[in-house]
């Protein structure tokens, strides 16, 4: 059930489109939570299914960009998020701080990879300078989204932990 909830969380967050100054749209991703809960390989699979459903049912991204979206959102992001989660916990960060850092850095990694993908697709000769433009254009919309998604995910996890301590679900070892 928790895996389904993580998939639904990813679907709901990543389906929220917010107009961007780049002429496209920005959106939270939601895969950081699944990476923390189930490790990266599971979230790669679940996130790919989410993106396929969104491409087919919502025309979000579309089939032609599915490979690029899977790479940035369901391969790179979960691995970065889970790595930061493990590092934060190893360094003694609390549950909330670890989740915040994992989701924050995971989301940032998605948009760095997306900027690199756009640079490779449009400017093969000088990828470094070509990636700078999309990165700068992502900042006004993505920076607030990254922070808000990290906060929402921490709140979601805090809510789940209350139920964990009551024996309903057990996403983490309870502290109570």
N, C-alpha and C. Protein backbone atom coordinates (compact mmCIF):
# COMPACT_ATOMS: atom_id res chain seq x y z
N UNK A 1 0.82 -1.20 0.00
CA UNK A 1 0.00 0.00 0.00
C UNK A 1 0.86 1.25 0.00
N UNK A 2 1.96 1.19 0.73
CA UNK A 2 2.83 2.37 0.80
C UNK A 2 3.49 2.64 -0.55
N UNK A 3 3.82 1.59 -1.28
CA UNK A 3 4.39 1.76 -2.62
C UNK A 3 3.38 2.43 -3.55
N UNK A 4 2.13 2.03 -3.46
CA UNK A 4 1.07 2.67 -4.24
C UNK A 4 0.89 4.13 -3.86
N UNK A 5 1.00 4.41 -2.57
CA UNK A 5 0.89 5.80 -2.11
C UNK A 5 2.04 6.65 -2.63
N UNK A 6 3.24 6.07 -2.66
CA UNK A 6 4.40 6.80 -3.19
C UNK A 6 4.22 7.06 -4.69
N UNK A 7 3.69 6.08 -5.41
CA UNK A 7 3.42 6.27 -6.83
C UNK A 7 2.35 7.32 -7.07
N UNK A 8 1.31 7.30 -6.26
CA UNK A 8 0.24 8.30 -6.37
C UNK A 8 0.76 9.70 -6.03
N UNK A 9 1.62 9.78 -5.01
CA UNK A 9 2.23 11.05 -4.62
C UNK A 9 3.04 11.61 -5.80
N UNK A 10 3.82 10.75 -6.44
CA UNK A 10 4.62 11.16 -7.60
C UNK A 10 3.72 11.60 -8.75
N UNK A 11 2.68 10.81 -9.02
CA UNK A 11 1.76 11.15 -10.11
C UNK A 11 1.10 12.50 -9.86
N UNK A 12 0.58 12.69 -8.65
CA UNK A 12 -0.14 13.93 -8.33
C UNK A 12 0.78 15.14 -8.40
N UNK A 13 1.95 15.05 -7.79
CA UNK A 13 2.84 16.21 -7.80
C UNK A 13 3.36 16.53 -9.19
N UNK A 14 3.78 15.50 -9.92
CA UNK A 14 4.36 15.78 -11.23
C UNK A 14 3.31 16.14 -12.28
N UNK A 15 2.05 15.92 -12.00
CA UNK A 15 0.98 16.32 -12.92
C UNK A 15 0.60 17.79 -12.76
N UNK A 16 1.06 18.44 -11.70
CA UNK A 16 0.75 19.85 -11.49
C UNK A 16 1.63 20.70 -12.40
N UNK A 17 1.04 21.33 -13.38
CA UNK A 17 1.80 22.17 -14.30
C UNK A 17 1.68 23.63 -13.89
N UNK A 18 2.82 24.27 -13.84
CA UNK A 18 2.87 25.69 -13.51
C UNK A 18 3.56 26.38 -14.67
N UNK A 19 2.96 27.42 -15.27
CA UNK A 19 3.60 28.11 -16.40
C UNK A 19 5.00 28.60 -16.02
N UNK A 20 5.90 28.46 -16.95
CA UNK A 20 7.29 28.82 -16.71
C UNK A 20 7.70 29.95 -17.65
N UNK A 21 8.70 30.70 -17.22
CA UNK A 21 9.22 31.77 -18.07
C UNK A 21 9.93 31.22 -19.30
N UNK A 22 10.21 29.93 -19.31
CA UNK A 22 10.88 29.31 -20.46
C UNK A 22 9.93 29.06 -21.61
N UNK A 23 8.63 29.29 -21.39
CA UNK A 23 7.64 29.02 -22.42
C UNK A 23 7.05 27.64 -22.29
N UNK A 24 7.61 26.84 -21.41
CA UNK A 24 7.05 25.51 -21.16
C UNK A 24 6.35 25.55 -19.82
N UNK A 25 6.42 24.47 -19.09
CA UNK A 25 5.84 24.47 -17.75
C UNK A 25 6.82 23.83 -16.78
N UNK A 26 6.65 24.16 -15.54
CA UNK A 26 7.45 23.58 -14.47
C UNK A 26 6.52 22.77 -13.59
N UNK A 27 7.08 21.83 -12.87
CA UNK A 27 6.26 21.04 -11.98
C UNK A 27 7.13 20.37 -10.93
N UNK A 28 6.55 20.11 -9.75
CA UNK A 28 7.28 19.29 -8.78
C UNK A 28 7.36 17.87 -9.33
N UNK A 29 8.19 17.04 -8.73
CA UNK A 29 8.38 15.70 -9.29
C UNK A 29 7.87 14.58 -8.40
N UNK A 30 8.15 14.63 -7.12
CA UNK A 30 7.62 13.63 -6.20
C UNK A 30 8.40 12.35 -6.08
N UNK A 31 9.44 12.14 -6.87
CA UNK A 31 10.17 10.87 -6.80
C UNK A 31 11.15 10.79 -5.64
N UNK A 32 11.46 11.91 -5.03
CA UNK A 32 12.37 11.89 -3.87
C UNK A 32 11.83 11.08 -2.71
N UNK A 33 10.53 11.18 -2.46
CA UNK A 33 9.91 10.42 -1.38
C UNK A 33 10.04 8.92 -1.62
N UNK A 34 9.72 8.48 -2.82
CA UNK A 34 9.82 7.07 -3.14
C UNK A 34 11.24 6.55 -3.04
N UNK A 35 12.21 7.38 -3.40
CA UNK A 35 13.61 6.97 -3.30
C UNK A 35 14.01 6.76 -1.84
N UNK A 36 13.55 7.64 -0.97
CA UNK A 36 13.86 7.51 0.46
C UNK A 36 13.18 6.26 1.03
N UNK A 37 11.95 6.03 0.65
CA UNK A 37 11.19 4.91 1.20
C UNK A 37 11.64 3.55 0.67
N UNK A 38 11.89 3.47 -0.64
CA UNK A 38 12.08 2.15 -1.27
C UNK A 38 13.40 1.97 -1.99
N UNK A 39 14.28 2.93 -1.93
CA UNK A 39 15.55 2.94 -2.65
C UNK A 39 15.33 3.26 -4.13
N UNK A 40 16.41 3.59 -4.77
CA UNK A 40 16.35 4.12 -6.14
C UNK A 40 15.79 3.17 -7.19
N UNK A 41 16.21 1.90 -7.26
CA UNK A 41 15.71 1.04 -8.34
C UNK A 41 14.19 0.91 -8.38
N UNK A 42 13.57 0.85 -7.22
CA UNK A 42 12.12 0.73 -7.16
C UNK A 42 11.48 2.00 -7.72
N UNK A 43 12.04 3.15 -7.37
CA UNK A 43 11.46 4.41 -7.83
C UNK A 43 11.71 4.63 -9.31
N UNK A 44 12.79 4.07 -9.86
CA UNK A 44 13.00 4.15 -11.30
C UNK A 44 11.84 3.46 -12.01
N UNK A 45 11.46 2.29 -11.54
CA UNK A 45 10.36 1.54 -12.14
C UNK A 45 9.03 2.27 -11.96
N UNK A 46 8.71 2.65 -10.73
CA UNK A 46 7.43 3.32 -10.45
C UNK A 46 7.36 4.66 -11.18
N UNK A 47 8.43 5.43 -11.14
CA UNK A 47 8.44 6.73 -11.81
C UNK A 47 8.27 6.61 -13.32
N UNK A 48 8.84 5.56 -13.89
CA UNK A 48 8.69 5.34 -15.34
C UNK A 48 7.23 5.04 -15.69
N UNK A 49 6.57 4.26 -14.86
CA UNK A 49 5.15 3.98 -15.07
C UNK A 49 4.33 5.26 -14.95
N UNK A 50 4.64 6.06 -13.94
CA UNK A 50 3.95 7.35 -13.75
C UNK A 50 4.11 8.22 -14.98
N UNK A 51 5.32 8.35 -15.48
CA UNK A 51 5.56 9.19 -16.65
C UNK A 51 4.88 8.64 -17.91
N UNK A 52 4.84 7.33 -18.05
CA UNK A 52 4.14 6.73 -19.19
C UNK A 52 2.65 7.05 -19.12
N UNK A 53 2.06 6.89 -17.95
CA UNK A 53 0.63 7.22 -17.79
C UNK A 53 0.37 8.69 -18.06
N UNK A 54 1.25 9.56 -17.58
CA UNK A 54 1.06 10.99 -17.83
C UNK A 54 1.20 11.32 -19.30
N UNK A 55 2.13 10.67 -19.98
CA UNK A 55 2.32 10.93 -21.40
C UNK A 55 1.10 10.48 -22.20
N UNK A 56 0.54 9.33 -21.83
CA UNK A 56 -0.60 8.79 -22.58
C UNK A 56 -1.91 9.47 -22.19
N UNK A 57 -2.15 9.61 -20.88
CA UNK A 57 -3.43 10.11 -20.41
C UNK A 57 -3.53 11.62 -20.35
N UNK A 58 -2.44 12.29 -20.02
CA UNK A 58 -2.49 13.74 -19.82
C UNK A 58 -1.72 14.53 -20.87
N UNK A 59 -1.05 13.84 -21.78
CA UNK A 59 -0.18 14.48 -22.77
C UNK A 59 0.86 15.37 -22.09
N UNK A 60 1.28 14.96 -20.92
CA UNK A 60 2.28 15.71 -20.15
C UNK A 60 3.65 15.21 -20.55
N UNK A 61 4.34 15.99 -21.35
CA UNK A 61 5.64 15.58 -21.85
C UNK A 61 5.52 14.86 -23.18
N UNK A 62 4.58 13.97 -23.27
CA UNK A 62 4.38 13.24 -24.51
C UNK A 62 5.30 12.04 -24.65
N UNK A 63 5.00 11.20 -25.61
CA UNK A 63 5.77 9.99 -25.85
C UNK A 63 7.16 10.34 -26.40
N UNK A 64 7.26 11.39 -27.20
CA UNK A 64 8.54 11.72 -27.83
C UNK A 64 9.60 12.16 -26.84
N UNK A 65 9.19 12.68 -25.69
CA UNK A 65 10.17 13.11 -24.68
C UNK A 65 10.24 12.15 -23.50
N UNK A 66 9.59 11.00 -23.63
CA UNK A 66 9.54 10.06 -22.51
C UNK A 66 10.93 9.61 -22.07
N UNK A 67 11.80 9.32 -23.00
CA UNK A 67 13.16 8.89 -22.64
C UNK A 67 13.94 9.94 -21.87
N UNK A 68 13.85 11.18 -22.31
CA UNK A 68 14.53 12.27 -21.62
C UNK A 68 13.93 12.49 -20.23
N UNK A 69 12.60 12.43 -20.15
CA UNK A 69 11.94 12.62 -18.85
C UNK A 69 12.27 11.49 -17.89
N UNK A 70 12.30 10.26 -18.38
CA UNK A 70 12.65 9.13 -17.52
C UNK A 70 14.08 9.28 -17.02
N UNK A 71 14.98 9.70 -17.90
CA UNK A 71 16.37 9.87 -17.49
C UNK A 71 16.50 10.91 -16.38
N UNK A 72 15.91 12.06 -16.57
CA UNK A 72 16.10 13.13 -15.58
C UNK A 72 15.28 12.93 -14.32
N UNK A 73 14.03 12.47 -14.46
CA UNK A 73 13.15 12.42 -13.30
C UNK A 73 13.11 11.08 -12.58
N UNK A 74 13.32 9.98 -13.30
CA UNK A 74 13.18 8.70 -12.60
C UNK A 74 14.47 7.89 -12.54
N UNK A 75 15.52 8.34 -13.17
CA UNK A 75 16.80 7.66 -13.01
C UNK A 75 17.74 8.51 -12.17
N UNK A 76 18.04 9.71 -12.65
CA UNK A 76 18.99 10.57 -11.93
C UNK A 76 18.43 11.02 -10.59
N UNK A 77 17.21 11.52 -10.59
CA UNK A 77 16.65 12.09 -9.35
C UNK A 77 16.59 11.11 -8.19
N UNK A 78 16.07 9.89 -8.35
CA UNK A 78 16.04 8.97 -7.21
C UNK A 78 17.43 8.59 -6.70
N UNK A 79 18.38 8.42 -7.62
CA UNK A 79 19.73 8.05 -7.17
C UNK A 79 20.37 9.19 -6.38
N UNK A 80 20.20 10.41 -6.84
CA UNK A 80 20.73 11.56 -6.10
C UNK A 80 20.02 11.69 -4.76
N UNK A 81 18.70 11.61 -4.76
CA UNK A 81 17.93 11.75 -3.53
C UNK A 81 18.29 10.69 -2.50
N UNK A 82 18.36 9.44 -2.93
CA UNK A 82 18.69 8.36 -1.99
C UNK A 82 20.11 8.50 -1.47
N UNK A 83 21.04 8.90 -2.32
CA UNK A 83 22.43 9.09 -1.88
C UNK A 83 22.53 10.20 -0.84
N UNK A 84 21.84 11.29 -1.08
CA UNK A 84 21.85 12.40 -0.11
C UNK A 84 21.15 11.96 1.18
N UNK A 85 20.07 11.21 1.08
CA UNK A 85 19.36 10.69 2.25
C UNK A 85 20.32 9.85 3.11
N UNK A 86 21.01 8.91 2.47
CA UNK A 86 21.93 8.03 3.21
C UNK A 86 23.07 8.84 3.84
N UNK A 87 23.61 9.80 3.10
CA UNK A 87 24.68 10.63 3.62
C UNK A 87 24.19 11.47 4.80
N UNK A 88 23.03 12.08 4.65
CA UNK A 88 22.49 12.92 5.74
C UNK A 88 22.26 12.09 7.00
N UNK A 89 21.71 10.91 6.84
CA UNK A 89 21.46 10.04 8.01
C UNK A 89 22.77 9.57 8.63
N UNK A 90 23.75 9.28 7.78
CA UNK A 90 25.06 8.84 8.28
C UNK A 90 25.74 9.95 9.07
N UNK A 91 25.50 11.19 8.65
CA UNK A 91 26.08 12.34 9.34
C UNK A 91 25.27 12.76 10.57
N UNK A 92 24.19 12.04 10.85
CA UNK A 92 23.41 12.29 12.05
C UNK A 92 22.23 13.23 11.90
N UNK A 93 21.85 13.53 10.67
CA UNK A 93 20.70 14.41 10.46
C UNK A 93 19.43 13.69 10.89
N UNK A 94 18.49 14.45 11.40
CA UNK A 94 17.21 13.89 11.80
C UNK A 94 16.39 13.49 10.59
N UNK A 95 15.29 12.84 10.84
CA UNK A 95 14.42 12.36 9.78
C UNK A 95 13.95 13.50 8.88
N UNK A 96 13.45 14.56 9.47
CA UNK A 96 12.91 15.66 8.68
C UNK A 96 13.99 16.36 7.86
N UNK A 97 15.14 16.59 8.48
CA UNK A 97 16.25 17.25 7.78
C UNK A 97 16.75 16.37 6.64
N UNK A 98 16.89 15.07 6.90
CA UNK A 98 17.34 14.15 5.87
C UNK A 98 16.40 14.10 4.68
N UNK A 99 15.11 14.06 4.96
CA UNK A 99 14.12 14.02 3.88
C UNK A 99 14.14 15.33 3.10
N UNK A 100 14.18 16.44 3.82
CA UNK A 100 14.23 17.74 3.15
C UNK A 100 15.43 17.82 2.21
N UNK A 101 16.61 17.47 2.71
CA UNK A 101 17.82 17.54 1.88
C UNK A 101 17.75 16.58 0.69
N UNK A 102 17.22 15.38 0.93
CA UNK A 102 17.12 14.40 -0.16
C UNK A 102 16.21 14.90 -1.27
N UNK A 103 15.04 15.39 -0.90
CA UNK A 103 14.08 15.86 -1.91
C UNK A 103 14.60 17.13 -2.59
N UNK A 104 15.17 18.02 -1.82
CA UNK A 104 15.70 19.28 -2.36
C UNK A 104 16.77 19.02 -3.42
N UNK A 105 17.77 18.21 -3.08
CA UNK A 105 18.86 17.94 -4.02
C UNK A 105 18.40 17.06 -5.19
N UNK A 106 17.49 16.14 -4.91
CA UNK A 106 16.97 15.30 -5.99
C UNK A 106 16.26 16.15 -7.04
N UNK A 107 15.41 17.05 -6.59
CA UNK A 107 14.71 17.92 -7.53
C UNK A 107 15.67 18.80 -8.31
N UNK A 108 16.65 19.36 -7.62
CA UNK A 108 17.64 20.19 -8.33
C UNK A 108 18.36 19.38 -9.40
N UNK A 109 18.67 18.14 -9.08
CA UNK A 109 19.39 17.31 -10.05
C UNK A 109 18.56 17.08 -11.32
N UNK A 110 17.26 16.96 -11.16
CA UNK A 110 16.39 16.78 -12.33
C UNK A 110 16.52 17.95 -13.29
N UNK A 111 16.53 19.15 -12.76
CA UNK A 111 16.55 20.32 -13.64
C UNK A 111 17.94 20.63 -14.17
N UNK A 112 18.97 20.21 -13.47
CA UNK A 112 20.32 20.31 -14.02
C UNK A 112 20.46 19.34 -15.20
N UNK A 113 19.99 18.12 -15.02
CA UNK A 113 20.05 17.14 -16.11
C UNK A 113 19.19 17.59 -17.28
N UNK A 114 18.01 18.13 -17.01
CA UNK A 114 17.14 18.61 -18.08
C UNK A 114 17.82 19.73 -18.86
N UNK A 115 18.49 20.64 -18.17
CA UNK A 115 19.22 21.73 -18.85
C UNK A 115 20.33 21.15 -19.73
N UNK A 116 21.02 20.14 -19.23
CA UNK A 116 22.07 19.50 -20.04
C UNK A 116 21.46 18.78 -21.25
N UNK A 117 20.33 18.14 -21.06
CA UNK A 117 19.66 17.48 -22.18
C UNK A 117 19.26 18.49 -23.25
N UNK A 118 18.70 19.62 -22.83
CA UNK A 118 18.32 20.65 -23.79
C UNK A 118 19.55 21.20 -24.51
N UNK A 119 20.64 21.38 -23.78
CA UNK A 119 21.86 21.88 -24.39
C UNK A 119 22.40 20.89 -25.42
N UNK A 120 22.38 19.61 -25.07
CA UNK A 120 22.84 18.59 -26.02
C UNK A 120 21.94 18.51 -27.24
N UNK A 121 20.65 18.69 -27.04
CA UNK A 121 19.70 18.60 -28.15
C UNK A 121 19.81 19.79 -29.11
N UNK A 122 20.22 20.93 -28.60
CA UNK A 122 20.18 22.14 -29.44
C UNK A 122 21.55 22.75 -29.75
N UNK A 123 22.54 22.46 -28.95
CA UNK A 123 23.85 23.10 -29.15
C UNK A 123 24.96 22.08 -28.89
N UNK A 124 25.24 21.27 -29.85
CA UNK A 124 26.22 20.21 -29.68
C UNK A 124 27.64 20.77 -29.52
N UNK A 125 27.93 21.92 -30.12
CA UNK A 125 29.30 22.43 -30.12
C UNK A 125 29.77 22.94 -28.76
N UNK A 126 28.94 23.59 -27.97
CA UNK A 126 29.37 24.13 -26.67
C UNK A 126 28.29 23.86 -25.63
N UNK A 127 28.30 22.66 -25.08
CA UNK A 127 27.25 22.21 -24.17
C UNK A 127 27.25 23.02 -22.87
N UNK A 128 28.43 23.34 -22.35
CA UNK A 128 28.52 24.06 -21.08
C UNK A 128 27.81 25.40 -21.11
N UNK A 129 28.12 26.21 -22.09
CA UNK A 129 27.48 27.53 -22.16
C UNK A 129 26.02 27.40 -22.59
N UNK A 130 25.70 26.39 -23.39
CA UNK A 130 24.32 26.20 -23.82
C UNK A 130 23.44 25.76 -22.66
N UNK A 131 23.99 25.05 -21.69
CA UNK A 131 23.21 24.60 -20.53
C UNK A 131 22.94 25.73 -19.56
N UNK A 132 23.74 26.77 -19.59
CA UNK A 132 23.58 27.89 -18.67
C UNK A 132 22.25 28.60 -18.88
N UNK A 133 21.86 28.77 -20.11
CA UNK A 133 20.62 29.49 -20.40
C UNK A 133 19.38 28.80 -19.81
N UNK A 134 19.18 27.49 -20.06
CA UNK A 134 18.02 26.85 -19.43
C UNK A 134 18.09 26.85 -17.90
N UNK A 135 19.29 26.69 -17.36
CA UNK A 135 19.42 26.70 -15.90
C UNK A 135 18.98 28.04 -15.32
N UNK A 136 19.42 29.12 -15.94
CA UNK A 136 19.05 30.46 -15.46
C UNK A 136 17.55 30.68 -15.61
N UNK A 137 16.98 30.17 -16.70
CA UNK A 137 15.55 30.34 -16.92
C UNK A 137 14.70 29.47 -15.99
N UNK A 138 15.26 28.35 -15.52
CA UNK A 138 14.53 27.49 -14.59
C UNK A 138 14.46 28.08 -13.18
N UNK A 139 15.42 28.89 -12.81
CA UNK A 139 15.53 29.36 -11.43
C UNK A 139 14.27 30.05 -10.91
N UNK A 140 13.65 30.99 -11.65
CA UNK A 140 12.48 31.68 -11.09
C UNK A 140 11.30 30.77 -10.75
N UNK A 141 11.12 29.69 -11.51
CA UNK A 141 9.99 28.81 -11.23
C UNK A 141 10.40 27.58 -10.44
N UNK A 142 11.55 27.03 -10.71
CA UNK A 142 11.95 25.79 -10.06
C UNK A 142 12.46 25.97 -8.64
N UNK A 143 13.15 27.04 -8.36
CA UNK A 143 13.70 27.23 -7.01
C UNK A 143 12.59 27.22 -5.95
N UNK A 144 11.52 27.98 -6.12
CA UNK A 144 10.44 27.90 -5.14
C UNK A 144 9.77 26.52 -5.10
N UNK A 145 9.62 25.90 -6.27
CA UNK A 145 9.00 24.57 -6.32
C UNK A 145 9.82 23.53 -5.56
N UNK A 146 11.12 23.61 -5.68
CA UNK A 146 12.01 22.66 -4.99
C UNK A 146 11.83 22.78 -3.49
N UNK A 147 11.81 24.00 -3.00
CA UNK A 147 11.66 24.24 -1.56
C UNK A 147 10.27 23.79 -1.10
N UNK A 148 9.24 24.16 -1.84
CA UNK A 148 7.87 23.79 -1.45
C UNK A 148 7.69 22.28 -1.48
N UNK A 149 8.21 21.62 -2.52
CA UNK A 149 8.07 20.16 -2.57
C UNK A 149 8.80 19.49 -1.41
N UNK A 150 9.98 20.00 -1.06
CA UNK A 150 10.71 19.42 0.07
C UNK A 150 9.92 19.59 1.37
N UNK A 151 9.31 20.74 1.57
CA UNK A 151 8.51 20.98 2.78
C UNK A 151 7.27 20.09 2.78
N UNK A 152 6.57 20.00 1.64
CA UNK A 152 5.37 19.16 1.55
C UNK A 152 5.73 17.71 1.83
N UNK A 153 6.86 17.25 1.31
CA UNK A 153 7.27 15.87 1.53
C UNK A 153 7.60 15.62 2.99
N UNK A 154 8.25 16.56 3.64
CA UNK A 154 8.53 16.42 5.08
C UNK A 154 7.23 16.35 5.86
N UNK A 155 6.27 17.19 5.52
CA UNK A 155 4.97 17.16 6.20
C UNK A 155 4.25 15.83 5.96
N UNK A 156 4.30 15.35 4.74
CA UNK A 156 3.70 14.06 4.39
C UNK A 156 4.34 12.94 5.21
N UNK A 157 5.66 12.96 5.31
CA UNK A 157 6.38 11.93 6.06
C UNK A 157 6.11 12.05 7.56
N UNK A 158 6.00 13.25 8.06
CA UNK A 158 5.68 13.43 9.47
C UNK A 158 4.30 12.87 9.78
N UNK A 159 3.37 13.10 8.87
CA UNK A 159 2.03 12.53 9.01
C UNK A 159 2.08 11.01 8.99
N UNK A 160 2.86 10.45 8.06
CA UNK A 160 2.99 8.99 7.97
C UNK A 160 3.66 8.42 9.21
N UNK A 161 4.58 9.16 9.78
CA UNK A 161 5.27 8.67 10.98
C UNK A 161 4.32 8.59 12.16
N UNK A 162 3.37 9.49 12.24
CA UNK A 162 2.38 9.42 13.31
C UNK A 162 1.63 8.09 13.21
N UNK A 163 1.24 7.73 11.99
CA UNK A 163 0.57 6.45 11.80
C UNK A 163 1.51 5.28 12.03
N UNK A 164 2.79 5.48 11.72
CA UNK A 164 3.78 4.43 11.98
C UNK A 164 3.81 4.13 13.46
N UNK A 165 3.84 5.14 14.27
CA UNK A 165 3.91 4.95 15.71
C UNK A 165 2.63 4.34 16.27
N UNK A 166 1.53 4.47 15.53
CA UNK A 166 0.28 3.86 15.95
C UNK A 166 0.13 2.46 15.37
N UNK A 167 1.14 2.02 14.62
CA UNK A 167 1.15 0.67 14.07
C UNK A 167 0.40 0.50 12.76
N UNK A 168 -0.03 1.61 12.12
CA UNK A 168 -0.79 1.49 10.89
C UNK A 168 0.11 1.22 9.69
N UNK A 169 1.13 2.02 9.50
CA UNK A 169 2.12 1.81 8.45
C UNK A 169 3.50 1.98 9.05
N UNK A 170 4.50 1.40 8.42
CA UNK A 170 5.84 1.47 8.99
C UNK A 170 6.87 1.83 7.92
N UNK A 171 6.88 3.08 7.45
CA UNK A 171 7.85 3.44 6.44
C UNK A 171 9.28 3.58 6.99
N UNK A 172 9.40 3.87 8.25
CA UNK A 172 10.71 4.01 8.87
C UNK A 172 10.66 3.36 10.23
N UNK A 173 11.78 3.19 10.82
CA UNK A 173 11.80 2.76 12.23
C UNK A 173 11.32 3.93 13.07
N UNK A 174 10.31 3.69 13.84
CA UNK A 174 9.71 4.77 14.63
C UNK A 174 10.66 5.28 15.70
N UNK A 175 10.54 6.57 15.98
CA UNK A 175 11.35 7.17 17.04
C UNK A 175 10.59 7.20 18.35
N UNK A 176 9.30 6.84 18.35
CA UNK A 176 8.52 6.97 19.58
C UNK A 176 8.43 5.66 20.34
